[in-house]
Amino acid sequence: SRLETMVLQGAEGLPLEAIKQQIASAVDIIIHLSRLRDKSRK
C-alpha cells in the first residue's frame, strides 16, 4: 500500500491498476522485520 502511495507521488494520474502491475512485476520477494515487545529484532 505504501509503495502504491509513493509511486503516485512520483507519477500523478497514473492508473492504480498500472501501479499495482508495476509493483507486482518488479518486486519478487518481501522480507518483513519487526521489533518485538522484548526489544528483540526478528
PDB file of all heavy atoms in Angstrom:
ATOM      1  N   SER A   1       0.831  -1.206   0.000  1.00  0.00           N
ATOM      2  CA  SER A   1       0.000   0.000   0.000  1.00  0.00           C
ATOM      3  C   SER A   1       0.867   1.258   0.000  1.00  0.00           C
ATOM      4  O   SER A   1       0.578   2.229  -0.700  1.00  0.00           O
ATOM      5  CB  SER A   1      -0.922   0.014   1.224  1.00  0.00           C
ATOM      6  OG  SER A   1      -1.763  -1.110   1.222  1.00  0.00           O
ATOM      7  N   ARG A   2       1.942   1.219   0.783  1.00  0.00           N
ATOM      8  CA  ARG A   2       2.840   2.372   0.839  1.00  0.00           C
ATOM      9  C   ARG A   2       3.554   2.573  -0.493  1.00  0.00           C
ATOM     10  O   ARG A   2       3.754   3.706  -0.937  1.00  0.00           O
ATOM     11  CB  ARG A   2       3.866   2.198   1.962  1.00  0.00           C
ATOM     12  CG  ARG A   2       3.269   2.318   3.352  1.00  0.00           C
ATOM     13  CD  ARG A   2       4.253   2.904   4.341  1.00  0.00           C
ATOM     14  NE  ARG A   2       4.584   4.281   4.003  1.00  0.00           N
ATOM     15  CZ  ARG A   2       5.835   4.760   3.966  1.00  0.00           C
ATOM     16  NH1 ARG A   2       6.851   3.968   4.195  1.00  0.00           N
ATOM     17  NH2 ARG A   2       6.063   6.013   3.672  1.00  0.00           N
ATOM     18  N   LEU A   3       3.946   1.478  -1.134  1.00  0.00           N
ATOM     19  CA  LEU A   3       4.587   1.582  -2.449  1.00  0.00           C
ATOM     20  C   LEU A   3       3.634   2.224  -3.458  1.00  0.00           C
ATOM     21  O   LEU A   3       4.043   3.062  -4.267  1.00  0.00           O
ATOM     22  CB  LEU A   3       5.029   0.204  -2.942  1.00  0.00           C
ATOM     23  CG  LEU A   3       6.396  -0.299  -2.464  1.00  0.00           C
ATOM     24  CD1 LEU A   3       6.613  -1.744  -2.911  1.00  0.00           C
ATOM     25  CD2 LEU A   3       7.526   0.587  -2.996  1.00  0.00           C
ATOM     26  N   GLU A   4       2.368   1.823  -3.417  1.00  0.00           N
ATOM     27  CA  GLU A   4       1.373   2.418  -4.320  1.00  0.00           C
ATOM     28  C   GLU A   4       1.292   3.926  -4.105  1.00  0.00           C
ATOM     29  O   GLU A   4       1.281   4.712  -5.062  1.00  0.00           O
ATOM     30  CB  GLU A   4       0.004   1.777  -4.079  1.00  0.00           C
ATOM     31  CG  GLU A   4      -0.091   0.324  -4.535  1.00  0.00           C
ATOM     32  CD  GLU A   4      -1.385  -0.342  -4.086  1.00  0.00           C
ATOM     33  OE1 GLU A   4      -2.312   0.384  -3.660  1.00  0.00           O
ATOM     34  OE2 GLU A   4      -1.475  -1.583  -4.143  1.00  0.00           O
ATOM     35  N   THR A   5       1.246   4.338  -2.827  1.00  0.00           N
ATOM     36  CA  THR A   5       1.162   5.767  -2.498  1.00  0.00           C
ATOM     37  C   THR A   5       2.406   6.505  -2.964  1.00  0.00           C
ATOM     38  O   THR A   5       2.329   7.612  -3.516  1.00  0.00           O
ATOM     39  CB  THR A   5       0.990   5.952  -0.972  1.00  0.00           C
ATOM     40  OG1 THR A   5      -0.141   5.203  -0.540  1.00  0.00           O
ATOM     41  CG2 THR A   5       0.799   7.410  -0.610  1.00  0.00           C
ATOM     42  N   MET A   6       3.579   5.894  -2.749  1.00  0.00           N
ATOM     43  CA  MET A   6       4.839   6.544  -3.141  1.00  0.00           C
ATOM     44  C   MET A   6       4.938   6.691  -4.656  1.00  0.00           C
ATOM     45  O   MET A   6       5.418   7.713  -5.155  1.00  0.00           O
ATOM     46  CB  MET A   6       6.031   5.762  -2.583  1.00  0.00           C
ATOM     47  CG  MET A   6       6.189   5.886  -1.076  1.00  0.00           C
ATOM     48  SD  MET A   6       7.711   5.147  -0.431  1.00  0.00           S
ATOM     49  CE  MET A   6       7.295   3.423  -0.388  1.00  0.00           C
ATOM     50  N   VAL A   7       4.496   5.669  -5.385  1.00  0.00           N
ATOM     51  CA  VAL A   7       4.529   5.750  -6.851  1.00  0.00           C
ATOM     52  C   VAL A   7       3.610   6.871  -7.334  1.00  0.00           C
ATOM     53  O   VAL A   7       3.956   7.627  -8.253  1.00  0.00           O
ATOM     54  CB  VAL A   7       4.137   4.398  -7.489  1.00  0.00           C
ATOM     55  CG1 VAL A   7       3.959   4.551  -8.998  1.00  0.00           C
ATOM     56  CG2 VAL A   7       5.203   3.348  -7.206  1.00  0.00           C
ATOM     57  N   LEU A   8       2.455   7.015  -6.692  1.00  0.00           N
ATOM     58  CA  LEU A   8       1.523   8.092  -7.053  1.00  0.00           C
ATOM     59  C   LEU A   8       2.151   9.465  -6.838  1.00  0.00           C
ATOM     60  O   LEU A   8       1.875  10.409  -7.582  1.00  0.00           O
ATOM     61  CB  LEU A   8       0.229   7.979  -6.239  1.00  0.00           C
ATOM     62  CG  LEU A   8      -0.783   6.937  -6.729  1.00  0.00           C
ATOM     63  CD1 LEU A   8      -1.909   6.774  -5.721  1.00  0.00           C
ATOM     64  CD2 LEU A   8      -1.356   7.346  -8.098  1.00  0.00           C
ATOM     65  N   GLN A   9       3.018   9.585  -5.822  1.00  0.00           N
ATOM     66  CA  GLN A   9       3.721  10.854  -5.588  1.00  0.00           C
ATOM     67  C   GLN A   9       4.660  11.178  -6.742  1.00  0.00           C
ATOM     68  O   GLN A   9       4.903  12.345  -7.053  1.00  0.00           O
ATOM     69  CB  GLN A   9       4.534  10.775  -4.290  1.00  0.00           C
ATOM     70  CG  GLN A   9       3.697  10.729  -3.029  1.00  0.00           C
ATOM     71  CD  GLN A   9       4.547  10.515  -1.783  1.00  0.00           C
ATOM     72  OE1 GLN A   9       5.759  10.754  -1.792  1.00  0.00           O
ATOM     73  NE2 GLN A   9       3.941  10.055  -0.713  1.00  0.00           N
ATOM     74  N   GLY A  10       5.186  10.130  -7.376  1.00  0.00           N
ATOM     75  CA  GLY A  10       6.136  10.344  -8.469  1.00  0.00           C
ATOM     76  C   GLY A  10       5.494  10.398  -9.831  1.00  0.00           C
ATOM     77  O   GLY A  10       6.139  10.786 -10.805  1.00  0.00           O
ATOM     78  N   ALA A  11       4.223   9.985  -9.925  1.00  0.00           N
ATOM     79  CA  ALA A  11       3.544   9.982 -11.234  1.00  0.00           C
ATOM     80  C   ALA A  11       2.053  10.171 -11.033  1.00  0.00           C
ATOM     81  O   ALA A  11       1.273   9.212 -11.079  1.00  0.00           O
ATOM     82  CB  ALA A  11       3.828   8.680 -11.972  1.00  0.00           C
ATOM     83  N   GLU A  12       1.656  11.398 -10.784  1.00  0.00           N
ATOM     84  CA  GLU A  12       0.231  11.689 -10.588  1.00  0.00           C
ATOM     85  C   GLU A  12      -0.531  11.383 -11.878  1.00  0.00           C
ATOM     86  O   GLU A  12      -0.075  11.674 -12.970  1.00  0.00           O
ATOM     87  CB  GLU A  12       0.042  13.163 -10.209  1.00  0.00           C
ATOM     88  CG  GLU A  12       0.533  13.482  -8.801  1.00  0.00           C
ATOM     89  CD  GLU A  12       0.271  14.929  -8.431  1.00  0.00           C
ATOM     90  OE1 GLU A  12      -0.662  15.510  -8.988  1.00  0.00           O
ATOM     91  OE2 GLU A  12       1.026  15.465  -7.602  1.00  0.00           O
ATOM     92  N   GLY A  13      -1.685  10.798 -11.710  1.00  0.00           N
ATOM     93  CA  GLY A  13      -2.502  10.493 -12.880  1.00  0.00           C
ATOM     94  C   GLY A  13      -2.297   9.092 -13.413  1.00  0.00           C
ATOM     95  O   GLY A  13      -3.061   8.628 -14.269  1.00  0.00           O
ATOM     96  N   LEU A  14      -1.279   8.393 -12.930  1.00  0.00           N
ATOM     97  CA  LEU A  14      -1.051   7.014 -13.368  1.00  0.00           C
ATOM     98  C   LEU A  14      -2.136   6.127 -12.773  1.00  0.00           C
ATOM     99  O   LEU A  14      -2.396   6.182 -11.563  1.00  0.00           O
ATOM    100  CB  LEU A  14       0.328   6.541 -12.898  1.00  0.00           C
ATOM    101  CG  LEU A  14       0.922   5.290 -13.561  1.00  0.00           C
ATOM    102  CD1 LEU A  14       1.197   5.554 -15.033  1.00  0.00           C
ATOM    103  CD2 LEU A  14       2.210   4.881 -12.856  1.00  0.00           C
ATOM    104  N   PRO A  15      -2.831   5.320 -13.594  1.00  0.00           N
ATOM    105  CA  PRO A  15      -3.920   4.480 -13.072  1.00  0.00           C
ATOM    106  C   PRO A  15      -3.411   3.517 -11.990  1.00  0.00           C
ATOM    107  O   PRO A  15      -2.313   2.972 -12.093  1.00  0.00           O
ATOM    108  CB  PRO A  15      -4.396   3.701 -14.303  1.00  0.00           C
ATOM    109  CG  PRO A  15      -3.900   4.467 -15.474  1.00  0.00           C
ATOM    110  CD  PRO A  15      -2.637   5.141 -15.041  1.00  0.00           C
ATOM    111  N   LEU A  16      -4.230   3.322 -10.959  1.00  0.00           N
ATOM    112  CA  LEU A  16      -3.848   2.454  -9.844  1.00  0.00           C
ATOM    113  C   LEU A  16      -3.591   1.029 -10.320  1.00  0.00           C
ATOM    114  O   LEU A  16      -2.691   0.347  -9.815  1.00  0.00           O
ATOM    115  CB  LEU A  16      -4.948   2.466  -8.770  1.00  0.00           C
ATOM    116  CG  LEU A  16      -4.595   1.801  -7.433  1.00  0.00           C
ATOM    117  CD1 LEU A  16      -3.350   2.418  -6.819  1.00  0.00           C
ATOM    118  CD2 LEU A  16      -5.774   1.896  -6.459  1.00  0.00           C
ATOM    119  N   GLU A  17      -4.342   0.579 -11.302  1.00  0.00           N
ATOM    120  CA  GLU A  17      -4.164  -0.764 -11.844  1.00  0.00           C
ATOM    121  C   GLU A  17      -2.770  -0.920 -12.454  1.00  0.00           C
ATOM    122  O   GLU A  17      -2.099  -1.942 -12.272  1.00  0.00           O
ATOM    123  CB  GLU A  17      -5.236  -1.035 -12.916  1.00  0.00           C
ATOM    124  CG  GLU A  17      -5.194  -2.430 -13.524  1.00  0.00           C
ATOM    125  CD  GLU A  17      -5.557  -3.527 -12.535  1.00  0.00           C
ATOM    126  OE1 GLU A  17      -6.385  -3.262 -11.638  1.00  0.00           O
ATOM    127  OE2 GLU A  17      -5.006  -4.632 -12.647  1.00  0.00           O
ATOM    128  N   ALA A  18      -2.319   0.126 -13.155  1.00  0.00           N
ATOM    129  CA  ALA A  18      -0.983   0.095 -13.768  1.00  0.00           C
ATOM    130  C   ALA A  18       0.105   0.100 -12.696  1.00  0.00           C
ATOM    131  O   ALA A  18       1.139  -0.555 -12.839  1.00  0.00           O
ATOM    132  CB  ALA A  18      -0.810   1.296 -14.705  1.00  0.00           C
ATOM    133  N   ILE A  19      -0.145   0.836 -11.602  1.00  0.00           N
ATOM    134  CA  ILE A  19       0.825   0.890 -10.498  1.00  0.00           C
ATOM    135  C   ILE A  19       0.950  -0.485  -9.848  1.00  0.00           C
ATOM    136  O   ILE A  19       2.056  -0.971  -9.595  1.00  0.00           O
ATOM    137  CB  ILE A  19       0.395   1.947  -9.453  1.00  0.00           C
ATOM    138  CG1 ILE A  19       0.486   3.344 -10.052  1.00  0.00           C
ATOM    139  CG2 ILE A  19       1.254   1.834  -8.188  1.00  0.00           C
ATOM    140  CD1 ILE A  19      -0.087   4.439  -9.170  1.00  0.00           C
ATOM    141  N   LYS A  20      -0.185  -1.126  -9.590  1.00  0.00           N
ATOM    142  CA  LYS A  20      -0.171  -2.461  -8.983  1.00  0.00           C
ATOM    143  C   LYS A  20       0.573  -3.454  -9.876  1.00  0.00           C
ATOM    144  O   LYS A  20       1.346  -4.293  -9.399  1.00  0.00           O
ATOM    145  CB  LYS A  20      -1.612  -2.939  -8.743  1.00  0.00           C
ATOM    146  CG  LYS A  20      -2.351  -2.209  -7.620  1.00  0.00           C
ATOM    147  CD  LYS A  20      -3.776  -2.736  -7.496  1.00  0.00           C
ATOM    148  CE  LYS A  20      -4.591  -1.964  -6.480  1.00  0.00           C
ATOM    149  NZ  LYS A  20      -4.200  -2.225  -5.090  1.00  0.00           N
ATOM    150  N   GLN A  21       0.339  -3.342 -11.186  1.00  0.00           N
ATOM    151  CA  GLN A  21       1.007  -4.229 -12.131  1.00  0.00           C
ATOM    152  C   GLN A  21       2.517  -3.998 -12.120  1.00  0.00           C
ATOM    153  O   GLN A  21       3.311  -4.955 -12.147  1.00  0.00           O
ATOM    154  CB  GLN A  21       0.447  -3.992 -13.540  1.00  0.00           C
ATOM    155  CG  GLN A  21       0.802  -5.081 -14.543  1.00  0.00           C
ATOM    156  CD  GLN A  21       0.180  -6.425 -14.205  1.00  0.00           C
ATOM    157  OE1 GLN A  21      -1.035  -6.522 -14.031  1.00  0.00           O
ATOM    158  NE2 GLN A  21       0.995  -7.464 -14.098  1.00  0.00           N
ATOM    159  N   GLN A  22       2.898  -2.731 -12.021  1.00  0.00           N
ATOM    160  CA  GLN A  22       4.316  -2.372 -11.979  1.00  0.00           C
ATOM    161  C   GLN A  22       4.983  -2.957 -10.733  1.00  0.00           C
ATOM    162  O   GLN A  22       6.085  -3.514 -10.796  1.00  0.00           O
ATOM    163  CB  GLN A  22       4.437  -0.839 -11.969  1.00  0.00           C
ATOM    164  CG  GLN A  22       5.844  -0.312 -12.061  1.00  0.00           C
ATOM    165  CD  GLN A  22       6.310  -0.111 -13.475  1.00  0.00           C
ATOM    166  OE1 GLN A  22       6.519  -1.068 -14.198  1.00  0.00           O
ATOM    167  NE2 GLN A  22       6.482   1.132 -13.886  1.00  0.00           N
ATOM    168  N   ILE A  23       4.312  -2.829  -9.592  1.00  0.00           N
ATOM    169  CA  ILE A  23       4.864  -3.344  -8.328  1.00  0.00           C
ATOM    170  C   ILE A  23       4.984  -4.861  -8.378  1.00  0.00           C
ATOM    171  O   ILE A  23       6.017  -5.441  -8.032  1.00  0.00           O
ATOM    172  CB  ILE A  23       3.976  -2.918  -7.126  1.00  0.00           C
ATOM    173  CG1 ILE A  23       4.025  -1.406  -6.940  1.00  0.00           C
ATOM    174  CG2 ILE A  23       4.408  -3.634  -5.843  1.00  0.00           C
ATOM    175  CD1 ILE A  23       3.010  -0.866  -5.947  1.00  0.00           C
ATOM    176  N   ALA A  24       3.913  -5.521  -8.839  1.00  0.00           N
ATOM    177  CA  ALA A  24       3.879  -6.990  -8.855  1.00  0.00           C
ATOM    178  C   ALA A  24       4.921  -7.586  -9.794  1.00  0.00           C
ATOM    179  O   ALA A  24       5.475  -8.660  -9.521  1.00  0.00           O
ATOM    180  CB  ALA A  24       2.486  -7.466  -9.257  1.00  0.00           C
ATOM    181  N   SER A  25       5.210  -6.895 -10.891  1.00  0.00           N
ATOM    182  CA  SER A  25       6.195  -7.431 -11.831  1.00  0.00           C
ATOM    183  C   SER A  25       7.626  -7.079 -11.438  1.00  0.00           C
ATOM    184  O   SER A  25       8.574  -7.737 -11.871  1.00  0.00           O
ATOM    185  CB  SER A  25       5.903  -6.929 -13.254  1.00  0.00           C
ATOM    186  OG  SER A  25       5.936  -5.519 -13.300  1.00  0.00           O
ATOM    187  N   ALA A  26       7.794  -6.036 -10.597  1.00  0.00           N
ATOM    188  CA  ALA A  26       9.142  -5.604 -10.203  1.00  0.00           C
ATOM    189  C   ALA A  26       9.626  -6.302  -8.939  1.00  0.00           C
ATOM    190  O   ALA A  26      10.768  -6.764  -8.865  1.00  0.00           O
ATOM    191  CB  ALA A  26       9.171  -4.091  -9.998  1.00  0.00           C
ATOM    192  N   VAL A  27       8.781  -6.364  -7.917  1.00  0.00           N
ATOM    193  CA  VAL A  27       9.191  -6.930  -6.621  1.00  0.00           C
ATOM    194  C   VAL A  27       8.876  -8.424  -6.591  1.00  0.00           C
ATOM    195  O   VAL A  27       7.734  -8.831  -6.793  1.00  0.00           O
ATOM    196  CB  VAL A  27       8.476  -6.205  -5.458  1.00  0.00           C
ATOM    197  CG1 VAL A  27       8.923  -6.796  -4.114  1.00  0.00           C
ATOM    198  CG2 VAL A  27       8.750  -4.710  -5.497  1.00  0.00           C
ATOM    199  N   ASP A  28       9.892  -9.235  -6.323  1.00  0.00           N
ATOM    200  CA  ASP A  28       9.699 -10.691  -6.276  1.00  0.00           C
ATOM    201  C   ASP A  28       9.459 -11.198  -4.856  1.00  0.00           C
ATOM    202  O   ASP A  28       8.616 -12.052  -4.621  1.00  0.00           O
ATOM    203  CB  ASP A  28      10.930 -11.408  -6.847  1.00  0.00           C
ATOM    204  CG  ASP A  28      11.175 -11.057  -8.309  1.00  0.00           C
ATOM    205  OD1 ASP A  28      10.199 -11.074  -9.075  1.00  0.00           O
ATOM    206  OD2 ASP A  28      12.330 -10.762  -8.671  1.00  0.00           O
ATOM    207  N   ILE A  29      10.231 -10.669  -3.918  1.00  0.00           N
ATOM    208  CA  ILE A  29      10.206 -11.163  -2.540  1.00  0.00           C
ATOM    209  C   ILE A  29      10.151  -9.979  -1.570  1.00  0.00           C
ATOM    210  O   ILE A  29      10.868  -8.984  -1.751  1.00  0.00           O
ATOM    211  CB  ILE A  29      11.462 -12.009  -2.215  1.00  0.00           C
ATOM    212  CG1 ILE A  29      11.568 -13.225  -3.140  1.00  0.00           C
ATOM    213  CG2 ILE A  29      11.475 -12.432  -0.733  1.00  0.00           C
ATOM    214  CD1 ILE A  29      10.557 -14.320  -2.874  1.00  0.00           C
ATOM    215  N   ILE A  30       9.293 -10.084  -0.546  1.00  0.00           N
ATOM    216  CA  ILE A  30       9.277  -9.099   0.537  1.00  0.00           C
ATOM    217  C   ILE A  30       9.665  -9.811   1.829  1.00  0.00           C
ATOM    218  O   ILE A  30       9.075 -10.830   2.192  1.00  0.00           O
ATOM    219  CB  ILE A  30       7.894  -8.436   0.704  1.00  0.00           C
ATOM    220  CG1 ILE A  30       7.500  -7.670  -0.571  1.00  0.00           C
ATOM    221  CG2 ILE A  30       7.907  -7.474   1.897  1.00  0.00           C
ATOM    222  CD1 ILE A  30       6.111  -7.050  -0.506  1.00  0.00           C
ATOM    223  N   ILE A  31      10.680  -9.261   2.513  1.00  0.00           N
ATOM    224  CA  ILE A  31      11.097  -9.784   3.817  1.00  0.00           C
ATOM    225  C   ILE A  31      10.674  -8.756   4.857  1.00  0.00           C
ATOM    226  O   ILE A  31      11.106  -7.594   4.805  1.00  0.00           O
ATOM    227  CB  ILE A  31      12.623  -9.995   3.875  1.00  0.00           C
ATOM    228  CG1 ILE A  31      13.063 -10.993   2.799  1.00  0.00           C
ATOM    229  CG2 ILE A  31      13.051 -10.483   5.262  1.00  0.00           C
ATOM    230  CD1 ILE A  31      14.577 -11.104   2.650  1.00  0.00           C
ATOM    231  N   HIS A  32       9.807  -9.160   5.780  1.00  0.00           N
ATOM    232  CA  HIS A  32       9.311  -8.213   6.782  1.00  0.00           C
ATOM    233  C   HIS A  32       9.978  -8.452   8.134  1.00  0.00           C
ATOM    234  O   HIS A  32      10.011  -9.577   8.638  1.00  0.00           O
ATOM    235  CB  HIS A  32       7.791  -8.313   6.933  1.00  0.00           C
ATOM    236  CG  HIS A  32       7.228  -7.282   7.873  1.00  0.00           C
ATOM    237  ND1 HIS A  32       7.197  -5.949   7.566  1.00  0.00           N
ATOM    238  CD2 HIS A  32       6.724  -7.393   9.131  1.00  0.00           C
ATOM    239  CE1 HIS A  32       6.684  -5.273   8.579  1.00  0.00           C
ATOM    240  NE2 HIS A  32       6.396  -6.129   9.549  1.00  0.00           N
ATOM    241  N   LEU A  33      10.511  -7.378   8.707  1.00  0.00           N
ATOM    242  CA  LEU A  33      11.182  -7.431  10.004  1.00  0.00           C
ATOM    243  C   LEU A  33      10.361  -6.671  11.043  1.00  0.00           C
ATOM    244  O   LEU A  33       9.586  -5.778  10.700  1.00  0.00           O
ATOM    245  CB  LEU A  33      12.579  -6.809   9.916  1.00  0.00           C
ATOM    246  CG  LEU A  33      13.471  -7.230   8.742  1.00  0.00           C
ATOM    247  CD1 LEU A  33      14.771  -6.452   8.781  1.00  0.00           C
ATOM    248  CD2 LEU A  33      13.746  -8.723   8.787  1.00  0.00           C
ATOM    249  N   SER A  34      10.564  -7.021  12.296  1.00  0.00           N
ATOM    250  CA  SER A  34       9.839  -6.329  13.352  1.00  0.00           C
ATOM    251  C   SER A  34      10.657  -6.293  14.630  1.00  0.00           C
ATOM    252  O   SER A  34      11.486  -7.170  14.878  1.00  0.00           O
ATOM    253  CB  SER A  34       8.495  -7.023  13.620  1.00  0.00           C
ATOM    254  OG  SER A  34       7.690  -6.248  14.466  1.00  0.00           O
ATOM    255  N   ARG A  35      10.395  -5.266  15.435  1.00  0.00           N
ATOM    256  CA  ARG A  35      10.994  -5.175  16.763  1.00  0.00           C
ATOM    257  C   ARG A  35       9.905  -5.553  17.756  1.00  0.00           C
ATOM    258  O   ARG A  35       8.888  -4.873  17.873  1.00  0.00           O
ATOM    259  CB  ARG A  35      11.483  -3.753  17.013  1.00  0.00           C
ATOM    260  CG  ARG A  35      12.393  -3.649  18.203  1.00  0.00           C
ATOM    261  CD  ARG A  35      13.016  -2.292  18.258  1.00  0.00           C
ATOM    262  NE  ARG A  35      14.025  -2.250  19.296  1.00  0.00           N
ATOM    263  CZ  ARG A  35      14.668  -1.153  19.645  1.00  0.00           C
ATOM    264  NH1 ARG A  35      14.417  -0.034  19.008  1.00  0.00           N
ATOM    265  NH2 ARG A  35      15.558  -1.172  20.597  1.00  0.00           N
ATOM    266  N   LEU A  36      10.119  -6.632  18.469  1.00  0.00           N
ATOM    267  CA  LEU A  36       9.074  -7.211  19.307  1.00  0.00           C
ATOM    268  C   LEU A  36       9.048  -6.602  20.706  1.00  0.00           C
ATOM    269  O   LEU A  36       9.850  -5.737  21.038  1.00  0.00           O
ATOM    270  CB  LEU A  36       9.255  -8.726  19.369  1.00  0.00           C
ATOM    271  CG  LEU A  36       9.273  -9.415  17.987  1.00  0.00           C
ATOM    272  CD1 LEU A  36       9.485 -10.909  18.133  1.00  0.00           C
ATOM    273  CD2 LEU A  36       7.988  -9.133  17.219  1.00  0.00           C
ATOM    274  N   ARG A  37       8.114  -7.079  21.521  1.00  0.00           N
ATOM    275  CA  ARG A  37       7.882  -6.473  22.841  1.00  0.00           C
ATOM    276  C   ARG A  37       9.083  -6.563  23.774  1.00  0.00           C
ATOM    277  O   ARG A  37       9.214  -5.757  24.701  1.00  0.00           O
ATOM    278  CB  ARG A  37       6.662  -7.108  23.507  1.00  0.00           C
ATOM    279  CG  ARG A  37       6.758  -8.615  23.708  1.00  0.00           C
ATOM    280  CD  ARG A  37       5.490  -9.177  24.341  1.00  0.00           C
ATOM    281  NE  ARG A  37       5.570 -10.619  24.513  1.00  0.00           N
ATOM    282  CZ  ARG A  37       5.225 -11.500  23.590  1.00  0.00           C
ATOM    283  NH1 ARG A  37       4.784 -11.082  22.403  1.00  0.00           N
ATOM    284  NH2 ARG A  37       5.317 -12.794  23.837  1.00  0.00           N
ATOM    285  N   ASP A  38       9.969  -7.536  23.561  1.00  0.00           N
ATOM    286  CA  ASP A  38      11.169  -7.650  24.396  1.00  0.00           C
ATOM    287  C   ASP A  38      12.359  -6.923  23.772  1.00  0.00           C
ATOM    288  O   ASP A  38      13.502  -7.130  24.177  1.00  0.00           O
ATOM    289  CB  ASP A  38      11.514  -9.120  24.646  1.00  0.00           C
ATOM    290  CG  ASP A  38      11.863  -9.861  23.349  1.00  0.00           C
ATOM    291  OD1 ASP A  38      11.647  -9.289  22.254  1.00  0.00           O
ATOM    292  OD2 ASP A  38      12.335 -11.002  23.428  1.00  0.00           O
ATOM    293  N   LYS A  39      12.074  -6.067  22.761  1.00  0.00           N
ATOM    294  CA  LYS A  39      13.073  -5.245  22.055  1.00  0.00           C
ATOM    295  C   LYS A  39      13.961  -6.052  21.108  1.00  0.00           C
ATOM    296  O   LYS A  39      14.893  -5.500  20.520  1.00  0.00           O
ATOM    297  CB  LYS A  39      13.963  -4.454  23.035  1.00  0.00           C
ATOM    298  CG  LYS A  39      13.206  -3.660  24.089  1.00  0.00           C
ATOM    299  CD  LYS A  39      12.277  -2.641  23.463  1.00  0.00           C
ATOM    300  CE  LYS A  39      11.543  -1.835  24.527  1.00  0.00           C
ATOM    301  NZ  LYS A  39      10.559  -0.899  23.950  1.00  0.00           N
ATOM    302  N   SER A  40      13.703  -7.351  20.969  1.00  0.00           N
ATOM    303  CA  SER A  40      14.490  -8.155  20.025  1.00  0.00           C
ATOM    304  C   SER A  40      13.993  -7.905  18.607  1.00  0.00           C
ATOM    305  O   SER A  40      12.825  -7.563  18.393  1.00  0.00           O
ATOM    306  CB  SER A  40      14.380  -9.644  20.368  1.00  0.00           C
ATOM    307  OG  SER A  40      13.046 -10.097  20.205  1.00  0.00           O
ATOM    308  N   ARG A  41      14.896  -8.067  17.646  1.00  0.00           N
ATOM    309  CA  ARG A  41      14.548  -7.871  16.237  1.00  0.00           C
ATOM    310  C   ARG A  41      14.446  -9.230  15.561  1.00  0.00           C
ATOM    311  O   ARG A  41      15.392 -10.006  15.607  1.00  0.00           O
ATOM    312  CB  ARG A  41      15.594  -7.002  15.543  1.00  0.00           C
ATOM    313  CG  ARG A  41      15.702  -5.589  16.106  1.00  0.00           C
ATOM    314  CD  ARG A  41      16.874  -4.837  15.494  1.00  0.00           C
ATOM    315  NE  ARG A  41      16.915  -3.446  15.917  1.00  0.00           N
ATOM    316  CZ  ARG A  41      17.573  -2.993  16.966  1.00  0.00           C
ATOM    317  NH1 ARG A  41      18.254  -3.851  17.715  1.00  0.00           N
ATOM    318  NH2 ARG A  41      17.564  -1.712  17.283  1.00  0.00           N
ATOM    319  N   LYS A  42      13.314  -9.489  14.936  1.00  0.00           N
ATOM    320  CA  LYS A  42      13.081 -10.796  14.316  1.00  0.00           C
ATOM    321  C   LYS A  42      12.610 -10.633  12.873  1.00  0.00           C
ATOM    322  O   LYS A  42      11.983  -9.634  12.506  1.00  0.00           O
ATOM    323  CB  LYS A  42      12.004 -11.579  15.080  1.00  0.00           C
ATOM    324  CG  LYS A  42      12.305 -11.832  16.557  1.00  0.00           C
ATOM    325  CD  LYS A  42      13.369 -12.880  16.756  1.00  0.00           C
ATOM    326  CE  LYS A  42      13.538 -13.214  18.232  1.00  0.00           C
ATOM    327  NZ  LYS A  42      14.680 -14.112  18.478  1.00  0.00           N
TER     328      LYS A  42
END
